[in-house]
Protein backbone atom coordinates (compact mmCIF):
# COMPACT_ATOMS: atom_id res chain seq x y z
CA MET A 1 104.57 93.01 63.52
CA ALA A 2 106.88 90.50 65.21
CA LEU A 3 108.23 93.24 67.50
CA PHE A 4 104.68 94.09 68.58
CA ILE A 5 103.99 90.44 69.46
CA GLN A 6 107.25 90.19 71.44
CA LYS A 7 106.42 93.32 73.43
CA PHE A 8 102.87 92.11 74.02
CA LEU A 9 104.08 88.71 75.30
CA PHE A 10 106.69 90.41 77.49
CA ILE A 11 104.02 92.64 79.07
CA CYS A 12 101.74 89.62 79.59
CA ALA A 13 104.58 87.71 81.29
CA LEU A 14 105.36 90.64 83.60
CA THR A 15 101.69 91.03 84.47
CA LEU A 16 101.46 87.34 85.33
CA LEU A 17 104.58 87.52 87.49
CA PHE A 18 103.32 90.45 89.52
CA GLU A 19 99.68 89.34 89.64
CA ASP A 20 100.50 85.89 91.01
CA ASN A 21 103.60 87.15 92.84
CA VAL A 22 105.83 84.33 91.66
CA LEU A 23 108.77 86.53 92.62
CA GLY A 24 108.54 85.50 96.26
CA ARG A 25 106.35 84.99 99.30
CA SER A 26 106.83 84.35 102.99
CA VAL A 27 105.13 82.43 105.78
CA SER A 28 105.36 83.24 109.47
CA ILE A 29 104.27 80.97 112.34
CA THR A 30 103.71 82.54 115.80
CA ASN A 31 103.13 80.63 119.05
CA ARG A 32 99.91 81.86 120.66
CA LEU A 33 99.19 78.85 122.87
CA GLU A 34 96.86 80.06 125.60
CA THR A 35 98.78 78.06 128.20
CA GLY A 36 102.05 79.83 127.41
CA LYS A 37 103.69 76.49 126.61
CA ASP A 38 106.45 75.99 124.06
CA LEU A 39 105.27 75.05 120.57
CA THR A 40 107.23 72.53 118.54
CA VAL A 41 106.84 73.24 114.82
CA HIS A 42 108.03 71.15 111.87
CA CYS A 43 107.33 72.59 108.39
CA LYS A 44 107.88 70.93 105.01
CA SER A 45 107.06 71.07 101.35
CA ALA A 46 107.52 68.41 98.69
CA ASP A 47 111.00 69.84 98.05
CA ASP A 48 112.10 71.35 101.36
CA ASP A 49 112.24 70.22 104.98
CA LEU A 50 112.58 73.37 107.07
CA GLY A 51 113.45 71.43 110.20
CA VAL A 52 112.05 71.38 113.72
CA ARG A 53 111.76 74.61 115.70
CA VAL A 54 110.69 75.17 119.29
CA LEU A 55 108.92 78.48 119.79
CA LYS A 56 108.30 80.08 123.16
CA PHE A 57 105.05 82.02 123.60
CA ASP A 58 104.81 84.89 121.09
CA GLU A 59 108.00 83.84 119.25
CA HIS A 60 107.78 83.30 115.53
CA PHE A 61 109.52 81.41 112.76
CA HIS A 62 109.39 82.59 109.14
CA TRP A 63 110.76 81.66 105.75
CA PHE A 64 110.76 82.93 102.20
CA PHE A 65 110.06 80.93 99.05
CA GLU A 66 109.07 81.25 95.43
CA ASN A 67 105.91 79.86 93.90
CA SER A 68 106.27 77.04 91.43
CA PHE A 69 105.55 77.98 87.83
CA ILE A 70 103.37 74.87 87.54
CA GLY A 71 101.23 75.95 90.50
CA ARG A 72 102.00 73.25 93.05
CA THR A 73 103.80 75.02 95.90
CA GLN A 74 102.49 73.76 99.22
CA PHE A 75 103.86 73.97 102.76
CA TYR A 76 102.43 72.11 105.71
CA CYS A 77 103.45 72.15 109.36
CA SER A 78 102.97 69.84 112.31
CA PHE A 79 102.44 71.35 115.75
CA LYS A 80 102.98 69.77 119.17
CA TRP A 81 103.05 71.05 122.76
CA ASP A 82 103.20 69.42 126.20
CA GLY A 83 99.94 67.67 126.95
CA GLY A 84 98.59 68.17 123.42
CA GLU A 85 98.20 65.77 120.55
CA LEU A 86 100.05 66.26 117.27
CA LYS A 87 98.19 68.69 114.98
CA TRP A 88 98.96 69.77 111.43
CA TYR A 89 97.80 72.28 108.85
CA ASP A 90 98.59 73.36 105.27
CA VAL A 91 99.99 76.84 105.91
CA PHE A 92 100.41 77.64 102.22
CA ILE A 93 98.78 76.21 99.10
CA GLN A 94 99.47 77.97 95.83
CA GLY A 95 96.17 78.94 94.26
CA ARG A 96 94.36 79.02 97.61
CA ASP A 97 96.55 81.56 99.36
CA ARG A 98 96.99 85.01 97.85
CA CYS A 99 98.93 86.57 100.72
CA GLU A 100 102.42 87.80 100.00
CA SER A 101 103.28 87.44 103.67
CA CYS A 102 101.10 84.77 105.26
CA ARG A 103 101.09 85.31 109.03
CA TRP A 104 99.80 82.35 111.06
CA PHE A 105 99.01 82.41 114.78
CA ILE A 106 98.78 78.99 116.39
CA SER A 107 96.48 78.42 119.35
CA GLN A 108 95.55 75.12 120.97
CA ASP A 109 92.14 75.09 119.29
CA LYS A 110 92.99 76.18 115.77
CA PRO A 111 95.39 77.84 113.35
CA CYS A 112 94.52 81.44 112.46
CA ILE A 113 95.83 83.62 109.63
CA LEU A 114 95.88 87.40 109.51
CA ARG A 115 93.81 88.65 106.57
CA LYS A 116 92.85 92.19 105.58
CA ARG A 117 89.63 91.89 107.58
CA GLY A 118 91.37 90.47 110.70
CA LEU A 119 92.14 86.99 112.00
CA VAL A 120 90.48 84.10 110.19
CA CYS A 121 90.65 80.72 111.92
CA TYR A 122 90.36 77.20 110.50
CA GLN A 123 89.99 73.66 111.77
CA TRP A 124 93.07 71.46 112.06
CA ASN A 125 93.63 69.02 109.18
CA LYS A 126 92.40 65.51 109.91
């Protein structure tokens, strides 16, 4: 009986790992400023500062990470370009985002993510 319980728990653990994809995810940020200006991006989490990057139009920056087992992985980025005010958005929140590869496209008006049904855009964080 103990062997059955061990196998059952092992299968449950594997299912959880693959269902929530705690084995790894990625985020990509692409500059789609309509003016063609450079986009300055600074992304962070509670544990990691990914540094400042300057992206020319249509360039992207991406990184890989693992979800936290306690469900608190969150990355946010600030965005700045010439003549624009500083904007920011939470580009990944564990529990909210189910994408394995979250692909963000940053325009002057809003951040947009590529979903199965196409681009979905959001308002900047306040």
